[in-house]
Amino acid sequence: MDLDQLHTFLEIVRLKSFSKAAQTCFRTQPAVSAQVRQMETELNAPLFDRLGTKIALTPAGHIFAQYAEQILGLKRVAQDTINELERVPRGELMIAANEATCIYVLPLVFSEFKKQFPNVQILVDRSYGARVVEAVLDNQADFGITQLPVEEKRLQVVKIHSDEIKALVPAGHPLAGNTQILPEDLVPHQVLLPKTGTTRRRLATWFTAVEDDLNVSMELDSTEMIKRFVAAGLGVSFLAGTHCADEVAAGTLKAISLGPEHMVRQLALIYRKDKALSKAALGFIEVTLKNAAIDGYGPGAARAKGK
């Protein structure tokens, strides 16, 4: 039994499918099935129950999966430890974050990190909300950046950035002169809402008193679409202040605080507490803490303030 067979087995467990595991392992399904049969022969126990078109782990399979994860985890630790013997760290880091965070929060982080660790490749897993947390927990990503709160005891959670969720209107909109916007102010107007995520859930709570009278014309899952649709007069929407700082500075959009209390958004860097951190990973944490726009004074906010 070799490490490749363990990897194939865990892919089947993760995907709950022999055929899908064959694709991710770049093998044919018969080859994957043969590997499983060989493992079952060596262990003298079935690892999967075949239930029609579905599969499920047997009791022996559950036990073996735990040890297989430990073995491959030790292999990764060994490789990381060997890499640390080299003068210059190398390898790759997988970062899970949504598209807007990558565009408006992380460019300076990535730039500074590459200056310090030019031989370490940064990979981005473009994920949203709970999927970021899942990617880190499942070891599919080394780090995640997501909106607080994060309630997961297995994760280290470090606040790195905060800014304000604001209402976004075109420069000539009837509400553009407001110093703040209350939920009832939006009843006469069309509203564009983010499709999913923590901000959407917080806005739903904010709108509770007027939800029956609200005119939601669209649900959008892209920051750039939100800005363009608002600029085109298709409705009022909501974005973090740092995500629309350039448009506000240019005068095409107006960002207005929500009332009666400002809606503050906090982002955190998350990673597994039990994960062995390489020199490059420790460097990424340090660079992120220094360059991730704490309290909304990132590059976008700075440009807006300078203008």
Protein backbone atom coordinates (compact mmCIF):
# COMPACT_ATOMS: atom_id res chain seq x y z
CA MET A 1 0.00 0.00 0.00
CA ASP A 2 1.47 3.37 -1.00
CA LEU A 3 0.70 7.06 -0.44
CA ASP A 4 -0.87 7.38 -3.87
CA GLN A 5 -3.46 4.75 -2.93
CA LEU A 6 -4.21 6.61 0.31
CA HIS A 7 -4.72 9.83 -1.65
CA THR A 8 -7.09 8.07 -4.07
CA PHE A 9 -9.03 6.55 -1.18
CA LEU A 10 -9.46 9.93 0.54
CA GLU A 11 -10.58 11.54 -2.73
CA ILE A 12 -13.33 8.91 -2.99
CA VAL A 13 -14.33 9.65 0.61
CA ARG A 14 -14.36 13.41 -0.02
CA LEU A 15 -16.28 13.26 -3.30
CA LYS A 16 -18.45 10.23 -2.41
CA SER A 17 -17.86 8.94 -5.91
CA PHE A 18 -15.41 6.61 -7.64
CA SER A 19 -15.90 8.34 -10.99
CA LYS A 20 -15.33 11.85 -9.65
CA ALA A 21 -12.25 10.69 -7.73
CA ALA A 22 -10.92 9.15 -10.93
CA GLN A 23 -11.16 12.58 -12.60
CA THR A 24 -9.38 14.48 -9.81
CA CYS A 25 -6.68 11.76 -9.60
CA PHE A 26 -6.29 11.68 -13.42
CA ARG A 27 -7.04 7.97 -13.62
CA THR A 28 -9.68 5.76 -15.15
CA GLN A 29 -12.49 4.53 -12.94
CA PRO A 30 -11.38 0.88 -13.33
CA ALA A 31 -7.90 1.86 -12.14
CA VAL A 32 -9.37 3.58 -9.06
CA SER A 33 -11.57 0.55 -8.35
CA ALA A 34 -8.52 -1.71 -8.63
CA GLN A 35 -6.63 0.40 -6.09
CA VAL A 36 -9.51 0.12 -3.64
CA ARG A 37 -9.73 -3.65 -4.12
CA GLN A 38 -5.99 -3.95 -3.45
CA MET A 39 -6.32 -1.95 -0.23
CA GLU A 40 -9.31 -4.01 0.87
CA THR A 41 -7.32 -7.19 0.21
CA GLU A 42 -4.36 -5.96 2.25
CA LEU A 43 -6.60 -4.84 5.11
CA ASN A 44 -8.78 -7.93 4.84
CA ALA A 45 -11.88 -5.76 5.23
CA PRO A 46 -14.30 -3.93 2.90
CA LEU A 47 -13.87 -0.15 2.91
CA PHE A 48 -17.06 0.85 1.08
CA ASP A 49 -20.63 -0.33 0.91
CA ARG A 50 -22.03 -0.10 -2.62
CA LEU A 51 -25.64 1.07 -2.34
CA GLY A 52 -26.90 1.13 -5.91
CA THR A 53 -25.32 4.20 -7.48
CA LYS A 54 -24.18 5.50 -4.08
CA ILE A 55 -21.34 4.49 -1.80
CA ALA A 56 -20.80 4.75 1.94
CA LEU A 57 -17.90 3.97 4.24
CA THR A 58 -18.02 0.76 6.22
CA PRO A 59 -16.98 0.83 9.90
CA ALA A 60 -13.54 -0.34 8.77
CA GLY A 61 -13.54 2.40 6.14
CA HIS A 62 -14.23 5.09 8.74
CA ILE A 63 -11.30 3.89 10.86
CA PHE A 64 -8.99 3.63 7.88
CA ALA A 65 -9.92 7.13 6.67
CA GLN A 66 -8.79 8.64 9.97
CA TYR A 67 -5.41 6.93 9.78
CA ALA A 68 -5.00 7.72 6.08
CA GLU A 69 -5.48 11.44 6.82
CA GLN A 70 -2.90 11.24 9.59
CA ILE A 71 -0.40 9.46 7.35
CA LEU A 72 -0.74 11.97 4.51
CA GLY A 73 -0.67 14.80 7.05
CA LEU A 74 2.63 13.49 8.43
CA LYS A 75 3.96 13.26 4.89
CA ARG A 76 3.13 16.93 4.31
CA VAL A 77 4.73 17.89 7.64
CA ALA A 78 7.85 15.95 6.71
CA GLN A 79 8.02 17.69 3.34
CA ASP A 80 7.51 21.10 4.93
CA THR A 81 10.22 20.37 7.50
CA ILE A 82 12.65 19.34 4.77
CA ASN A 83 11.82 22.48 2.81
CA GLU A 84 12.61 24.56 5.89
CA LEU A 85 16.19 23.28 5.72
CA GLU A 86 16.62 25.28 2.55
CA ARG A 87 17.75 28.86 2.76
CA VAL A 88 14.88 30.15 0.62
CA PRO A 89 11.34 28.86 1.33
CA ARG A 90 9.52 27.47 -1.68
CA GLY A 91 6.26 25.74 -2.42
CA GLU A 92 2.77 27.19 -2.55
CA LEU A 93 0.09 28.70 -0.34
CA MET A 94 -3.61 28.37 -1.12
CA ILE A 95 -5.72 31.35 -0.01
CA ALA A 96 -9.53 31.13 0.08
CA ALA A 97 -11.34 34.47 -0.26
CA ASN A 98 -14.11 36.06 -2.26
CA GLU A 99 -13.44 38.08 -5.38
CA ALA A 100 -14.00 41.50 -3.80
CA THR A 101 -11.54 40.74 -0.99
CA CYS A 102 -8.94 39.68 -3.55
CA ILE A 103 -9.45 42.90 -5.52
CA TYR A 104 -9.76 45.48 -2.74
CA VAL A 105 -7.97 44.06 0.31
CA LEU A 106 -5.27 41.62 -0.78
CA PRO A 107 -3.27 43.14 -3.70
CA LEU A 108 -0.79 44.91 -1.39
CA VAL A 109 -0.59 41.79 0.80
CA PHE A 110 0.25 39.59 -2.19
CA SER A 111 2.71 42.12 -3.58
CA GLU A 112 4.65 42.46 -0.32
CA PHE A 113 4.61 38.71 0.27
CA LYS A 114 6.07 38.00 -3.19
CA LYS A 115 8.88 40.47 -2.51
CA GLN A 116 9.85 38.55 0.61
CA PHE A 117 9.11 35.04 -0.68
CA PRO A 118 9.63 35.11 -4.46
CA ASN A 119 9.81 31.31 -4.73
CA VAL A 120 6.51 30.68 -2.98
CA GLN A 121 3.51 30.56 -5.31
CA ILE A 122 0.22 32.07 -4.15
CA LEU A 123 -2.89 30.24 -5.32
CA VAL A 124 -6.37 31.72 -4.85
CA ASP A 125 -9.48 29.65 -4.20
CA ARG A 126 -12.30 32.07 -5.03
CA SER A 127 -14.85 31.11 -2.40
CA TYR A 128 -17.72 32.79 -0.56
CA GLY A 129 -18.90 32.88 3.05
CA ALA A 130 -19.13 29.50 4.71
CA ARG A 131 -17.23 27.90 1.82
CA VAL A 132 -14.08 29.78 2.90
CA VAL A 133 -14.33 28.25 6.38
CA GLU A 134 -14.97 24.80 4.92
CA ALA A 135 -11.95 25.07 2.59
CA VAL A 136 -9.64 25.80 5.53
CA LEU A 137 -11.15 23.11 7.75
CA ASP A 138 -10.85 20.55 4.95
CA ASN A 139 -7.19 21.53 4.35
CA GLN A 140 -8.04 22.58 0.81
CA ALA A 141 -6.73 26.05 1.66
CA ASP A 142 -3.90 27.09 3.98
CA PHE A 143 -5.58 30.39 4.87
CA GLY A 144 -8.99 31.94 4.47
CA ILE A 145 -10.16 35.53 4.65
CA THR A 146 -13.80 35.92 5.56
CA GLN A 147 -16.24 38.17 7.33
CA LEU A 148 -16.71 37.84 11.09
CA PRO A 149 -18.19 36.26 13.10
CA VAL A 150 -16.52 32.87 12.65
CA GLU A 151 -17.65 30.35 15.26
CA GLU A 152 -15.30 27.41 14.85
CA LYS A 153 -13.04 26.28 17.70
CA ARG A 154 -10.62 24.47 15.40
CA LEU A 155 -9.65 27.74 13.70
CA GLN A 156 -7.34 30.55 14.68
CA VAL A 157 -9.21 33.76 13.88
CA VAL A 158 -7.25 37.02 13.53
CA LYS A 159 -9.02 40.29 12.71
CA ILE A 160 -7.18 42.04 9.89
CA HIS A 161 -9.53 44.59 8.33
CA SER A 162 -12.65 46.57 9.08
CA ASP A 163 -14.71 49.00 7.07
CA GLU A 164 -18.29 50.14 6.76
CA ILE A 165 -21.17 48.76 4.72
CA LYS A 166 -22.83 51.73 3.03
CA ALA A 167 -25.80 52.41 0.79
CA LEU A 168 -24.71 53.09 -2.78
CA VAL A 169 -26.62 55.50 -5.06
CA PRO A 170 -25.86 57.39 -8.29
CA ALA A 171 -24.58 60.92 -7.82
CA GLY A 172 -27.91 62.45 -8.91
CA HIS A 173 -30.17 60.18 -6.88
CA PRO A 174 -32.83 61.76 -4.58
CA LEU A 175 -31.05 60.20 -1.57
CA ALA A 176 -27.59 61.35 -2.59
CA GLY A 177 -27.73 64.33 -0.23
CA ASN A 178 -28.57 62.26 2.86
CA THR A 179 -26.01 62.00 5.64
CA GLN A 180 -27.45 58.61 6.57
CA ILE A 181 -30.09 56.23 5.23
CA LEU A 182 -32.73 54.43 7.29
CA PRO A 183 -34.60 51.32 6.09
CA GLU A 184 -37.83 53.25 5.57
CA ASP A 185 -36.01 55.70 3.27
CA LEU A 186 -35.64 52.92 0.70
CA VAL A 187 -39.30 51.84 0.50
CA PRO A 188 -40.05 54.17 -2.48
CA HIS A 189 -36.96 52.99 -4.36
CA GLN A 190 -35.84 49.85 -6.14
CA VAL A 191 -33.20 47.90 -4.21
CA LEU A 192 -30.38 45.70 -5.47
CA LEU A 193 -29.22 43.18 -2.86
CA PRO A 194 -26.15 40.98 -2.66
CA LYS A 195 -27.28 37.45 -3.46
CA THR A 196 -25.72 35.62 -0.50
CA GLY A 197 -23.30 35.99 2.37
CA THR A 198 -22.93 37.63 5.76
CA THR A 199 -23.68 41.13 4.47
CA ARG A 200 -26.93 39.89 2.92
CA ARG A 201 -28.00 38.33 6.22
CA ARG A 202 -27.18 41.52 8.12
CA LEU A 203 -29.13 43.62 5.63
CA ALA A 204 -32.11 41.29 5.99
CA THR A 205 -32.10 42.01 9.73
CA TRP A 206 -31.71 45.75 9.10
CA PHE A 207 -34.72 45.69 6.75
CA THR A 208 -36.96 43.70 9.13
CA ALA A 209 -39.38 46.55 9.90
CA VAL A 210 -40.03 47.30 6.19
CA GLU A 211 -39.41 43.93 4.52
CA ASP A 212 -43.03 43.58 3.35
CA ASP A 213 -42.90 46.97 1.59
CA LEU A 214 -39.42 46.61 0.11
CA ASN A 215 -39.02 46.53 -3.69
CA VAL A 216 -36.10 44.19 -4.36
CA SER A 217 -35.56 44.33 -8.11
CA MET A 218 -32.39 42.21 -8.37
CA GLU A 219 -30.04 39.97 -6.41
CA LEU A 220 -26.43 40.19 -7.59
CA ASP A 221 -23.33 38.18 -6.72
CA SER A 222 -20.66 40.50 -8.14
CA THR A 223 -19.27 43.74 -6.68
CA GLU A 224 -18.56 45.11 -10.14
CA MET A 225 -22.10 44.35 -11.31
CA ILE A 226 -23.52 46.12 -8.27
CA LYS A 227 -21.50 49.27 -8.97
CA ARG A 228 -22.34 49.34 -12.68
CA PHE A 229 -26.05 48.66 -12.13
CA VAL A 230 -26.29 51.37 -9.47
CA ALA A 231 -24.49 53.84 -11.74
CA ALA A 232 -26.99 52.97 -14.49
CA GLY A 233 -29.87 53.93 -12.18
CA LEU A 234 -31.24 50.43 -11.68
CA GLY A 235 -31.55 50.76 -7.92
CA VAL A 236 -29.93 51.41 -4.55
CA SER A 237 -27.46 48.82 -3.33
CA PHE A 238 -24.90 48.22 -0.59
CA LEU A 239 -21.13 47.77 -0.55
CA ALA A 240 -18.18 48.06 1.77
CA GLY A 241 -16.78 51.58 1.59
CA THR A 242 -13.36 50.37 0.41
CA HIS A 243 -14.99 48.55 -2.53
CA CYS A 244 -16.40 51.74 -4.06
CA ALA A 245 -13.84 54.34 -2.93
CA ASP A 246 -12.59 55.08 -6.47
CA GLU A 247 -16.09 55.66 -7.86
CA VAL A 248 -17.02 57.85 -4.90
CA ALA A 249 -13.82 59.86 -5.32
CA ALA A 250 -14.59 60.26 -9.04
CA GLY A 251 -18.10 61.52 -8.22
CA THR A 252 -20.01 58.85 -10.14
CA LEU A 253 -21.42 57.19 -7.03
CA LYS A 254 -22.34 58.32 -3.54
CA ALA A 255 -21.80 56.04 -0.51
CA ILE A 256 -24.00 56.86 2.49
CA SER A 257 -23.83 55.44 6.00
CA LEU A 258 -26.70 53.31 7.24
CA GLY A 259 -28.64 54.34 10.31
CA PRO A 260 -29.45 54.56 13.09
CA GLU A 261 -26.14 52.72 13.73
CA HIS A 262 -23.34 52.30 11.24
CA MET A 263 -22.97 48.77 9.86
CA VAL A 264 -19.33 47.85 10.38
CA ARG A 265 -17.84 44.90 8.53
CA GLN A 266 -14.87 43.02 9.95
CA LEU A 267 -12.67 40.59 8.05
CA ALA A 268 -10.45 37.97 9.62
CA LEU A 269 -7.57 35.77 8.55
CA ILE A 270 -8.38 32.18 9.51
CA TYR A 271 -6.24 29.03 9.65
CA ARG A 272 -6.31 25.71 11.46
CA LYS A 273 -4.92 25.76 14.99
CA ASP A 274 -3.42 22.30 14.54
CA LYS A 275 -1.75 23.08 11.21
CA ALA A 276 2.05 23.05 11.08
CA LEU A 277 3.03 26.49 9.77
CA SER A 278 5.99 26.75 7.41
CA LYS A 279 8.27 29.76 7.32
CA ALA A 280 6.34 31.00 4.28
CA ALA A 281 3.01 30.58 6.10
CA LEU A 282 4.28 32.48 9.11
CA GLY A 283 5.51 35.16 6.72
CA PHE A 284 2.09 35.39 5.09
CA ILE A 285 0.47 35.97 8.49
CA GLU A 286 2.94 38.75 9.28
CA VAL A 287 2.58 40.44 5.88
CA THR A 288 -1.22 40.24 6.06
CA LEU A 289 -1.34 41.84 9.51
CA LYS A 290 0.81 44.72 8.26
CA ASN A 291 -0.87 45.33 4.90
CA ALA A 292 -4.54 44.31 5.01
CA ALA A 293 -6.04 47.74 5.61
CA ILE A 294 -6.90 47.65 9.32
CA ASP A 295 -9.89 49.91 10.07
CA GLY A 296 -10.57 50.72 6.45
CA TYR A 297 -7.39 52.67 5.70
CA GLY A 298 -6.28 50.49 2.83
CA PRO A 299 -5.12 51.73 -0.57
CA GLY A 300 -8.64 52.49 -1.75
CA ALA A 301 -9.57 54.35 1.41
CA ALA A 302 -6.30 56.26 1.32
CA ARG A 303 -6.93 57.41 -2.23
CA ALA A 304 -10.43 58.51 -1.31
CA LYS A 305 -9.17 60.45 1.69
CA GLY A 306 -6.36 62.03 -0.35
CA LYS A 307 -8.89 63.35 -2.81
